[in-house]
Amino acid sequence: MRTGYLCDFSNATFARFVGDSINIDIYNGTGYEVYCSKANKLRQIWCEEPDPVVGNLLSDLLNYLEDYLLKEEKLGVYQKKKIAEMRIMSKRLIGNTIKIELPSKKEDDLQTLLIDINSALARNKPELVLDRLHTFSTKLLRQFCTENGIEVRDNKGKFYPLNSLAGSLSRYYEKNSLFQSDFTLLAIKNCISLFSQYNGVRNNQSFAHDNEILDGVEAEFVVKTMAGVITFLDHVEKCNKKMKTAKIEEEEDEFDIPF
């Protein structure tokens, strides 16, 4: 980058590319308001953003560069070798990302929350995930309760808190004998207290309010722990739906029209 130019990017197309890749506004975002060349904007990202963010952008840029050189008929042996070397570097940078597994959902609001969560994790900012993951968990557990005929509001019409939803689901699972081991049921019951404590973390130690924020190490532990519980409950619900479907099909097969 001996000049301020990058491939065939204009300021607008480069801004959109970076926004799509790592969710950063390079012209109006916090810390990026000062105008400079595209090359200097890229250098700023390299210097100021966490390794996983830089790695993701670098990977996307290498894909773009390879297509650009191929289109311009300039993709020779040397260029291929350098791109391959840079891909190794991008993978090393991405390898420092905090990884969690969360259920993939089609609902727009849940998808939006997942985008926010993954964006914060890509920037190694688990403290930014605490509030979003709490909202995601609450919406998901309400959905599970509703699908199983469990009330999600009290007699005044107010939504039950996250720990109450988890407790209702736990009692439903126990009543319908969905688990094969006593260990699993006991673990789910113990998780109810985790949901209660998570309410406290969200309300008093996250960016949900003007709080003193939980430090990154503890925030990462909280996020990984709660994500594991939520993902397990999602697996349970998928099995529950299969069992219900199989039961309905069995009942339909037993009903034989006599003509």
C-alpha atoms as a PDB file:
ATOM      1  CA  MET A   1       0.000   0.000   0.000  1.00  0.00           C
ATOM      2  CA  ARG A   2       2.485   2.600  -1.188  1.00  0.00           C
ATOM      3  CA  THR A   3      -0.431   4.826  -2.255  1.00  0.00           C
ATOM      4  CA  GLY A   4      -3.804   5.553  -0.700  1.00  0.00           C
ATOM      5  CA  TYR A   5      -5.606   3.337  -3.213  1.00  0.00           C
ATOM      6  CA  LEU A   6      -6.926  -0.188  -2.625  1.00  0.00           C
ATOM      7  CA  CYS A   7      -7.725  -2.348  -5.666  1.00  0.00           C
ATOM      8  CA  ASP A   8     -10.703  -0.742  -7.432  1.00  0.00           C
ATOM      9  CA  PHE A   9     -12.464   0.419  -4.259  1.00  0.00           C
ATOM     10  CA  SER A  10     -14.026   3.858  -4.080  1.00  0.00           C
ATOM     11  CA  ASN A  11     -14.504   5.436  -0.647  1.00  0.00           C
ATOM     12  CA  ALA A  12     -18.151   4.359  -0.660  1.00  0.00           C
ATOM     13  CA  THR A  13     -17.582   0.778  -1.837  1.00  0.00           C
ATOM     14  CA  PHE A  14     -14.699   0.294   0.613  1.00  0.00           C
ATOM     15  CA  ALA A  15     -16.839   1.609   3.471  1.00  0.00           C
ATOM     16  CA  ARG A  16     -19.626  -0.845   2.568  1.00  0.00           C
ATOM     17  CA  PHE A  17     -17.120  -3.700   2.230  1.00  0.00           C
ATOM     18  CA  VAL A  18     -15.625  -3.072   5.687  1.00  0.00           C
ATOM     19  CA  GLY A  19     -19.083  -2.610   7.199  1.00  0.00           C
ATOM     20  CA  ASP A  20     -20.291  -5.925   5.792  1.00  0.00           C
ATOM     21  CA  SER A  21     -17.100  -7.704   6.843  1.00  0.00           C
ATOM     22  CA  ILE A  22     -16.525  -6.506  10.417  1.00  0.00           C
ATOM     23  CA  ASN A  23     -19.433  -4.136  11.173  1.00  0.00           C
ATOM     24  CA  ILE A  24     -17.288  -0.988  11.493  1.00  0.00           C
ATOM     25  CA  ASP A  25     -18.172   2.382   9.977  1.00  0.00           C
ATOM     26  CA  ILE A  26     -14.759   3.650   8.838  1.00  0.00           C
ATOM     27  CA  TYR A  27     -15.950   7.205   8.207  1.00  0.00           C
ATOM     28  CA  ASN A  28     -18.480   7.905  10.955  1.00  0.00           C
ATOM     29  CA  GLY A  29     -17.848   5.229  13.577  1.00  0.00           C
ATOM     30  CA  THR A  30     -16.379   6.004  16.993  1.00  0.00           C
ATOM     31  CA  GLY A  31     -12.661   6.690  16.560  1.00  0.00           C
ATOM     32  CA  TYR A  32     -12.907   6.736  12.767  1.00  0.00           C
ATOM     33  CA  GLU A  33     -14.325  10.238  12.211  1.00  0.00           C
ATOM     34  CA  VAL A  34     -11.051  11.801  10.933  1.00  0.00           C
ATOM     35  CA  TYR A  35     -10.936  11.703   7.138  1.00  0.00           C
ATOM     36  CA  CYS A  36      -7.948   9.997   5.507  1.00  0.00           C
ATOM     37  CA  SER A  37      -7.158   7.704   2.580  1.00  0.00           C
ATOM     38  CA  LYS A  38      -8.530   4.177   2.272  1.00  0.00           C
ATOM     39  CA  ALA A  39      -5.049   2.758   2.890  1.00  0.00           C
ATOM     40  CA  ASN A  40      -4.721   4.753   6.110  1.00  0.00           C
ATOM     41  CA  LYS A  41      -8.183   3.635   7.214  1.00  0.00           C
ATOM     42  CA  LEU A  42      -7.030   0.063   6.738  1.00  0.00           C
ATOM     43  CA  ARG A  43      -3.821   0.728   8.696  1.00  0.00           C
ATOM     44  CA  GLN A  44      -5.929   2.195  11.498  1.00  0.00           C
ATOM     45  CA  ILE A  45      -7.999  -0.989  11.684  1.00  0.00           C
ATOM     46  CA  TRP A  46      -4.842  -3.089  11.807  1.00  0.00           C
ATOM     47  CA  CYS A  47      -3.403  -0.983  14.639  1.00  0.00           C
ATOM     48  CA  GLU A  48      -6.502  -0.483  16.773  1.00  0.00           C
ATOM     49  CA  GLU A  49      -8.821  -3.480  16.371  1.00  0.00           C
ATOM     50  CA  PRO A  50      -8.448  -6.918  18.039  1.00  0.00           C
ATOM     51  CA  ASP A  51      -6.721  -9.743  16.175  1.00  0.00           C
ATOM     52  CA  PRO A  52      -9.946 -11.618  15.242  1.00  0.00           C
ATOM     53  CA  VAL A  53     -11.431  -8.480  13.644  1.00  0.00           C
ATOM     54  CA  VAL A  54      -8.267  -7.850  11.650  1.00  0.00           C
ATOM     55  CA  GLY A  55      -8.148 -11.519  10.651  1.00  0.00           C
ATOM     56  CA  ASN A  56     -11.738 -11.559   9.381  1.00  0.00           C
ATOM     57  CA  LEU A  57     -11.252  -8.392   7.351  1.00  0.00           C
ATOM     58  CA  LEU A  58      -7.939  -9.630   5.972  1.00  0.00           C
ATOM     59  CA  SER A  59      -9.560 -12.910   4.902  1.00  0.00           C
ATOM     60  CA  ASP A  60     -12.368 -11.082   3.095  1.00  0.00           C
ATOM     61  CA  LEU A  61      -9.894  -8.682   1.458  1.00  0.00           C
ATOM     62  CA  LEU A  62      -7.774 -11.575   0.198  1.00  0.00           C
ATOM     63  CA  ASN A  63     -10.846 -13.149  -1.409  1.00  0.00           C
ATOM     64  CA  TYR A  64     -11.651  -9.817  -3.046  1.00  0.00           C
ATOM     65  CA  LEU A  65      -8.051  -9.292  -4.175  1.00  0.00           C
ATOM     66  CA  GLU A  66      -7.872 -12.762  -5.716  1.00  0.00           C
ATOM     67  CA  ASP A  67     -11.062 -12.155  -7.719  1.00  0.00           C
ATOM     68  CA  TYR A  68      -9.843  -8.681  -8.723  1.00  0.00           C
ATOM     69  CA  LEU A  69      -6.454  -9.936  -9.961  1.00  0.00           C
ATOM     70  CA  LEU A  70      -8.112 -12.813 -11.796  1.00  0.00           C
ATOM     71  CA  LYS A  71     -10.477 -10.405 -13.551  1.00  0.00           C
ATOM     72  CA  GLU A  72      -7.532  -8.140 -14.475  1.00  0.00           C
ATOM     73  CA  GLU A  73      -5.501 -11.184 -15.644  1.00  0.00           C
ATOM     74  CA  LYS A  74      -2.771 -10.351 -13.146  1.00  0.00           C
ATOM     75  CA  LEU A  75      -3.011 -13.417 -10.890  1.00  0.00           C
ATOM     76  CA  GLY A  76       0.389 -15.003 -11.430  1.00  0.00           C
ATOM     77  CA  VAL A  77       2.401 -17.542  -9.459  1.00  0.00           C
ATOM     78  CA  TYR A  78       3.968 -14.876  -7.237  1.00  0.00           C
ATOM     79  CA  GLN A  79       0.591 -13.310  -6.395  1.00  0.00           C
ATOM     80  CA  LYS A  80      -0.928 -16.728  -5.595  1.00  0.00           C
ATOM     81  CA  LYS A  81       1.986 -17.524  -3.274  1.00  0.00           C
ATOM     82  CA  LYS A  82       1.695 -14.227  -1.391  1.00  0.00           C
ATOM     83  CA  ILE A  83      -2.085 -14.569  -1.032  1.00  0.00           C
ATOM     84  CA  ALA A  84      -1.635 -18.108   0.346  1.00  0.00           C
ATOM     85  CA  GLU A  85       0.908 -16.840   2.885  1.00  0.00           C
ATOM     86  CA  MET A  86      -1.455 -14.068   3.972  1.00  0.00           C
ATOM     87  CA  ARG A  87      -4.315 -16.542   4.368  1.00  0.00           C
ATOM     88  CA  ILE A  88      -2.241 -18.433   6.935  1.00  0.00           C
ATOM     89  CA  MET A  89      -1.754 -15.186   8.843  1.00  0.00           C
ATOM     90  CA  SER A  90      -5.470 -14.348   8.723  1.00  0.00           C
ATOM     91  CA  LYS A  91      -6.361 -17.792  10.106  1.00  0.00           C
ATOM     92  CA  ARG A  92      -3.924 -17.318  12.989  1.00  0.00           C
ATOM     93  CA  LEU A  93      -5.497 -13.965  13.813  1.00  0.00           C
ATOM     94  CA  ILE A  94      -9.036 -15.374  13.611  1.00  0.00           C
ATOM     95  CA  GLY A  95      -7.986 -18.251  15.862  1.00  0.00           C
ATOM     96  CA  ASN A  96      -7.975 -15.864  18.833  1.00  0.00           C
ATOM     97  CA  THR A  97     -11.750 -15.342  18.563  1.00  0.00           C
ATOM     98  CA  ILE A  98     -14.010 -16.296  21.483  1.00  0.00           C
ATOM     99  CA  LYS A  99     -16.165 -19.145  20.193  1.00  0.00           C
ATOM    100  CA  ILE A 100     -19.619 -20.118  21.485  1.00  0.00           C
ATOM    101  CA  GLU A 101     -22.420 -22.209  20.036  1.00  0.00           C
ATOM    102  CA  LEU A 102     -25.904 -20.720  19.945  1.00  0.00           C
ATOM    103  CA  PRO A 103     -29.090 -21.993  18.292  1.00  0.00           C
ATOM    104  CA  SER A 104     -29.603 -20.684  14.770  1.00  0.00           C
ATOM    105  CA  LYS A 105     -33.097 -19.210  14.483  1.00  0.00           C
ATOM    106  CA  LYS A 106     -35.187 -17.876  11.574  1.00  0.00           C
ATOM    107  CA  GLU A 107     -37.103 -15.200  13.506  1.00  0.00           C
ATOM    108  CA  ASP A 108     -35.940 -11.702  12.550  1.00  0.00           C
ATOM    109  CA  ASP A 109     -35.513 -10.445  16.118  1.00  0.00           C
ATOM    110  CA  LEU A 110     -33.470 -13.482  17.151  1.00  0.00           C
ATOM    111  CA  GLN A 111     -31.338 -13.248  14.006  1.00  0.00           C
ATOM    112  CA  THR A 112     -30.636  -9.571  14.734  1.00  0.00           C
ATOM    113  CA  LEU A 113     -29.545 -10.454  18.268  1.00  0.00           C
ATOM    114  CA  LEU A 114     -27.284 -13.222  16.947  1.00  0.00           C
ATOM    115  CA  ILE A 115     -25.619 -10.764  14.560  1.00  0.00           C
ATOM    116  CA  ASP A 116     -24.934  -8.375  17.457  1.00  0.00           C
ATOM    117  CA  ILE A 117     -23.602 -11.217  19.627  1.00  0.00           C
ATOM    118  CA  ASN A 118     -21.300 -12.614  16.947  1.00  0.00           C
ATOM    119  CA  SER A 119     -20.060  -9.133  16.052  1.00  0.00           C
ATOM    120  CA  ALA A 120     -19.071  -8.434  19.669  1.00  0.00           C
ATOM    121  CA  LEU A 121     -17.400 -11.840  20.019  1.00  0.00           C
ATOM    122  CA  ALA A 122     -15.443 -11.272  16.799  1.00  0.00           C
ATOM    123  CA  ARG A 123     -14.038  -8.168  18.458  1.00  0.00           C
ATOM    124  CA  ASN A 124     -13.219 -10.117  21.660  1.00  0.00           C
ATOM    125  CA  LYS A 125     -15.707  -8.020  23.635  1.00  0.00           C
ATOM    126  CA  PRO A 126     -17.716 -10.541  25.721  1.00  0.00           C
ATOM    127  CA  GLU A 127     -18.860  -7.777  28.071  1.00  0.00           C
ATOM    128  CA  LEU A 128     -20.892  -6.395  25.159  1.00  0.00           C
ATOM    129  CA  VAL A 129     -22.611  -9.775  24.783  1.00  0.00           C
ATOM    130  CA  LEU A 130     -24.038  -9.996  28.323  1.00  0.00           C
ATOM    131  CA  ASP A 131     -27.116  -7.869  27.624  1.00  0.00           C
ATOM    132  CA  ARG A 132     -27.769  -9.168  24.092  1.00  0.00           C
ATOM    133  CA  LEU A 133     -27.435 -12.815  25.144  1.00  0.00           C
ATOM    134  CA  HIS A 134     -29.846 -12.231  28.052  1.00  0.00           C
ATOM    135  CA  THR A 135     -32.424 -10.809  25.617  1.00  0.00           C
ATOM    136  CA  PHE A 136     -31.833 -13.698  23.203  1.00  0.00           C
ATOM    137  CA  SER A 137     -32.219 -16.238  26.025  1.00  0.00           C
ATOM    138  CA  THR A 138     -35.415 -14.631  27.306  1.00  0.00           C
ATOM    139  CA  LYS A 139     -37.052 -14.540  23.863  1.00  0.00           C
ATOM    140  CA  LEU A 140     -36.016 -18.131  23.171  1.00  0.00           C
ATOM    141  CA  LEU A 141     -37.319 -19.506  26.480  1.00  0.00           C
ATOM    142  CA  ARG A 142     -40.615 -17.653  26.003  1.00  0.00           C
ATOM    143  CA  GLN A 143     -40.878 -19.353  22.634  1.00  0.00           C
ATOM    144  CA  PHE A 144     -40.195 -22.787  24.182  1.00  0.00           C
ATOM    145  CA  CYS A 145     -42.770 -22.200  26.926  1.00  0.00           C
ATOM    146  CA  THR A 146     -45.437 -21.001  24.483  1.00  0.00           C
ATOM    147  CA  GLU A 147     -44.898 -24.015  22.208  1.00  0.00           C
ATOM    148  CA  ASN A 148     -45.399 -26.314  25.211  1.00  0.00           C
ATOM    149  CA  GLY A 149     -48.527 -24.530  26.482  1.00  0.00           C
ATOM    150  CA  ILE A 150     -46.720 -22.905  29.415  1.00  0.00           C
ATOM    151  CA  GLU A 151     -47.780 -19.420  30.536  1.00  0.00           C
ATOM    152  CA  VAL A 152     -45.182 -16.681  30.014  1.00  0.00           C
ATOM    153  CA  ARG A 153     -47.121 -13.883  31.768  1.00  0.00           C
ATOM    154  CA  ASP A 154     -48.446 -13.500  35.292  1.00  0.00           C
ATOM    155  CA  ASN A 155     -52.088 -12.628  36.140  1.00  0.00           C
ATOM    156  CA  LYS A 156     -51.278  -8.915  35.671  1.00  0.00           C
ATOM    157  CA  GLY A 157     -50.036  -9.496  32.121  1.00  0.00           C
ATOM    158  CA  LYS A 158     -46.360  -8.973  32.931  1.00  0.00           C
ATOM    159  CA  PHE A 159     -43.770 -11.299  31.419  1.00  0.00           C
ATOM    160  CA  TYR A 160     -42.116 -13.760  33.793  1.00  0.00           C
ATOM    161  CA  PRO A 161     -38.355 -13.224  34.266  1.00  0.00           C
ATOM    162  CA  LEU A 162     -35.786 -15.542  32.710  1.00  0.00           C
ATOM    163  CA  ASN A 163     -35.309 -17.754  35.781  1.00  0.00           C
ATOM    164  CA  SER A 164     -39.088 -18.291  36.111  1.00  0.00           C
ATOM    165  CA  LEU A 165     -39.307 -19.387  32.486  1.00  0.00           C
ATOM    166  CA  ALA A 166     -36.441 -21.826  33.056  1.00  0.00           C
ATOM    167  CA  GLY A 167     -38.171 -23.188  36.169  1.00  0.00           C
ATOM    168  CA  SER A 168     -41.434 -23.738  34.285  1.00  0.00           C
ATOM    169  CA  LEU A 169     -39.605 -25.595  31.524  1.00  0.00           C
ATOM    170  CA  SER A 170     -37.760 -27.733  34.066  1.00  0.00           C
ATOM    171  CA  ARG A 171     -41.037 -28.808  35.704  1.00  0.00           C
ATOM    172  CA  TYR A 172     -42.540 -29.537  32.274  1.00  0.00           C
ATOM    173  CA  TYR A 173     -39.557 -31.721  31.327  1.00  0.00           C
ATOM    174  CA  GLU A 174     -39.764 -33.612  34.636  1.00  0.00           C
ATOM    175  CA  LYS A 175     -43.516 -34.180  34.316  1.00  0.00           C
ATOM    176  CA  ASN A 176     -43.173 -35.490  30.756  1.00  0.00           C
ATOM    177  CA  SER A 177     -40.058 -37.605  31.464  1.00  0.00           C
ATOM    178  CA  LEU A 178     -38.011 -36.127  28.644  1.00  0.00           C
ATOM    179  CA  PHE A 179     -34.623 -37.026  30.144  1.00  0.00           C
ATOM    180  CA  GLN A 180     -33.060 -40.461  30.366  1.00  0.00           C
ATOM    181  CA  SER A 181     -30.884 -39.707  33.393  1.00  0.00           C
ATOM    182  CA  ASP A 182     -31.478 -38.127  36.790  1.00  0.00           C
ATOM    183  CA  PHE A 183     -28.225 -36.216  36.274  1.00  0.00           C
ATOM    184  CA  THR A 184     -29.626 -34.207  33.365  1.00  0.00           C
ATOM    185  CA  LEU A 185     -32.790 -33.252  35.227  1.00  0.00           C
ATOM    186  CA  LEU A 186     -30.777 -32.253  38.305  1.00  0.00           C
ATOM    187  CA  ALA A 187     -28.397 -30.196  36.150  1.00  0.00           C
ATOM    188  CA  ILE A 188     -31.329 -28.345  34.563  1.00  0.00           C
ATOM    189  CA  LYS A 189     -32.824 -27.625  37.998  1.00  0.00           C
ATOM    190  CA  ASN A 190     -29.478 -26.277  39.202  1.00  0.00           C
ATOM    191  CA  CYS A 191     -29.291 -24.078  36.113  1.00  0.00           C
ATOM    192  CA  ILE A 192     -32.369 -22.194  37.306  1.00  0.00           C
ATOM    193  CA  SER A 193     -30.220 -20.519  39.948  1.00  0.00           C
ATOM    194  CA  LEU A 194     -27.758 -19.610  37.186  1.00  0.00           C
ATOM    195  CA  PHE A 195     -30.542 -17.898  35.250  1.00  0.00           C
ATOM    196  CA  SER A 196     -31.470 -15.975  38.389  1.00  0.00           C
ATOM    197  CA  GLN A 197     -27.880 -14.828  38.865  1.00  0.00           C
ATOM    198  CA  TYR A 198     -27.659 -13.994  35.173  1.00  0.00           C
ATOM    199  CA  ASN A 199     -30.588 -11.601  35.649  1.00  0.00           C
ATOM    200  CA  GLY A 200     -28.443  -9.811  38.222  1.00  0.00           C
ATOM    201  CA  VAL A 201     -25.402  -9.662  35.961  1.00  0.00           C
ATOM    202  CA  ARG A 202     -27.475  -8.270  33.109  1.00  0.00           C
ATOM    203  CA  ASN A 203     -29.196  -5.639  35.268  1.00  0.00           C
ATOM    204  CA  ASN A 204     -26.219  -4.559  37.360  1.00  0.00           C
ATOM    205  CA  GLN A 205     -22.986  -5.417  35.519  1.00  0.00           C
ATOM    206  CA  SER A 206     -23.719  -5.071  31.796  1.00  0.00           C
ATOM    207  CA  PHE A 207     -24.277  -2.243  29.332  1.00  0.00           C
ATOM    208  CA  ALA A 208     -28.046  -2.659  29.770  1.00  0.00           C
ATOM    209  CA  HIS A 209     -27.802   0.277  32.197  1.00  0.00           C
ATOM    210  CA  ASP A 210     -25.235   2.774  33.446  1.00  0.00           C
ATOM    211  CA  ASN A 211     -23.376   0.094  35.406  1.00  0.00           C
ATOM    212  CA  GLU A 212     -19.881  -0.814  36.481  1.00  0.00           C
ATOM    213  CA  ILE A 213     -19.182  -3.440  33.815  1.00  0.00           C
ATOM    214  CA  LEU A 214     -18.073  -6.991  34.550  1.00  0.00           C
ATOM    215  CA  ASP A 215     -14.454  -7.557  33.495  1.00  0.00           C
ATOM    216  CA  GLY A 216     -13.712  -9.400  30.256  1.00  0.00           C
ATOM    217  CA  VAL A 217     -12.531 -12.694  31.798  1.00  0.00           C
ATOM    218  CA  GLU A 218     -15.648 -13.138  33.947  1.00  0.00           C
ATOM    219  CA  ALA A 219     -17.900 -11.875  31.156  1.00  0.00           C
ATOM    220  CA  GLU A 220     -16.478 -14.533  28.818  1.00  0.00           C
ATOM    221  CA  PHE A 221     -17.111 -17.238  31.445  1.00  0.00           C
ATOM    222  CA  VAL A 222     -20.707 -16.080  31.966  1.00  0.00           C
ATOM    223  CA  VAL A 223     -21.376 -15.938  28.219  1.00  0.00           C
ATOM    224  CA  LYS A 224     -19.913 -19.392  27.541  1.00  0.00           C
ATOM    225  CA  THR A 225     -21.766 -20.947  30.503  1.00  0.00           C
ATOM    226  CA  MET A 226     -25.165 -19.510  29.602  1.00  0.00           C
ATOM    227  CA  ALA A 227     -24.689 -20.221  25.890  1.00  0.00           C
ATOM    228  CA  GLY A 228     -24.057 -23.886  26.749  1.00  0.00           C
ATOM    229  CA  VAL A 229     -27.262 -24.104  28.778  1.00  0.00           C
ATOM    230  CA  ILE A 230     -29.344 -22.346  26.102  1.00  0.00           C
ATOM    231  CA  THR A 231     -27.964 -24.564  23.347  1.00  0.00           C
ATOM    232  CA  PHE A 232     -28.749 -27.708  25.367  1.00  0.00           C
ATOM    233  CA  LEU A 233     -32.334 -26.544  25.967  1.00  0.00           C
ATOM    234  CA  ASP A 234     -32.686 -25.954  22.229  1.00  0.00           C
ATOM    235  CA  HIS A 235     -31.549 -29.539  21.557  1.00  0.00           C
ATOM    236  CA  VAL A 236     -34.089 -30.775  24.130  1.00  0.00           C
ATOM    237  CA  GLU A 237     -36.870 -28.856  22.397  1.00  0.00           C
ATOM    238  CA  LYS A 238     -35.933 -30.292  19.005  1.00  0.00           C
ATOM    239  CA  CYS A 239     -36.168 -33.812  20.457  1.00  0.00           C
ATOM    240  CA  ASN A 240     -39.443 -32.876  22.159  1.00  0.00           C
ATOM    241  CA  LYS A 241     -40.934 -31.747  18.831  1.00  0.00           C
ATOM    242  CA  LYS A 242     -39.841 -34.979  17.137  1.00  0.00           C
ATOM    243  CA  MET A 243     -41.488 -37.018  19.893  1.00  0.00           C
ATOM    244  CA  LYS A 244     -44.732 -35.040  19.564  1.00  0.00           C
ATOM    245  CA  THR A 245     -44.721 -35.451  15.767  1.00  0.00           C
ATOM    246  CA  ALA A 246     -44.072 -39.188  16.041  1.00  0.00           C
ATOM    247  CA  LYS A 247     -46.926 -39.556  18.553  1.00  0.00           C
ATOM    248  CA  ILE A 248     -49.357 -37.709  16.258  1.00  0.00           C
ATOM    249  CA  GLU A 249     -48.361 -39.862  13.288  1.00  0.00           C
ATOM    250  CA  GLU A 250     -48.782 -42.998  15.390  1.00  0.00           C
ATOM    251  CA  GLU A 251     -52.278 -41.923  16.443  1.00  0.00           C
ATOM    252  CA  GLU A 252     -53.193 -41.155  12.832  1.00  0.00           C
ATOM    253  CA  ASP A 253     -52.005 -44.596  11.746  1.00  0.00           C
ATOM    254  CA  GLU A 254     -54.192 -46.240  14.421  1.00  0.00           C
ATOM    255  CA  PHE A 255     -57.280 -44.489  13.051  1.00  0.00           C
ATOM    256  CA  ASP A 256     -58.221 -46.646  10.086  1.00  0.00           C
ATOM    257  CA  ILE A 257     -61.242 -45.639   7.984  1.00  0.00           C
ATOM    258  CA  PRO A 258     -63.305 -48.849   7.482  1.00  0.00           C
ATOM    259  CA  PHE A 259     -64.140 -48.297   3.807  1.00  0.00           C
END
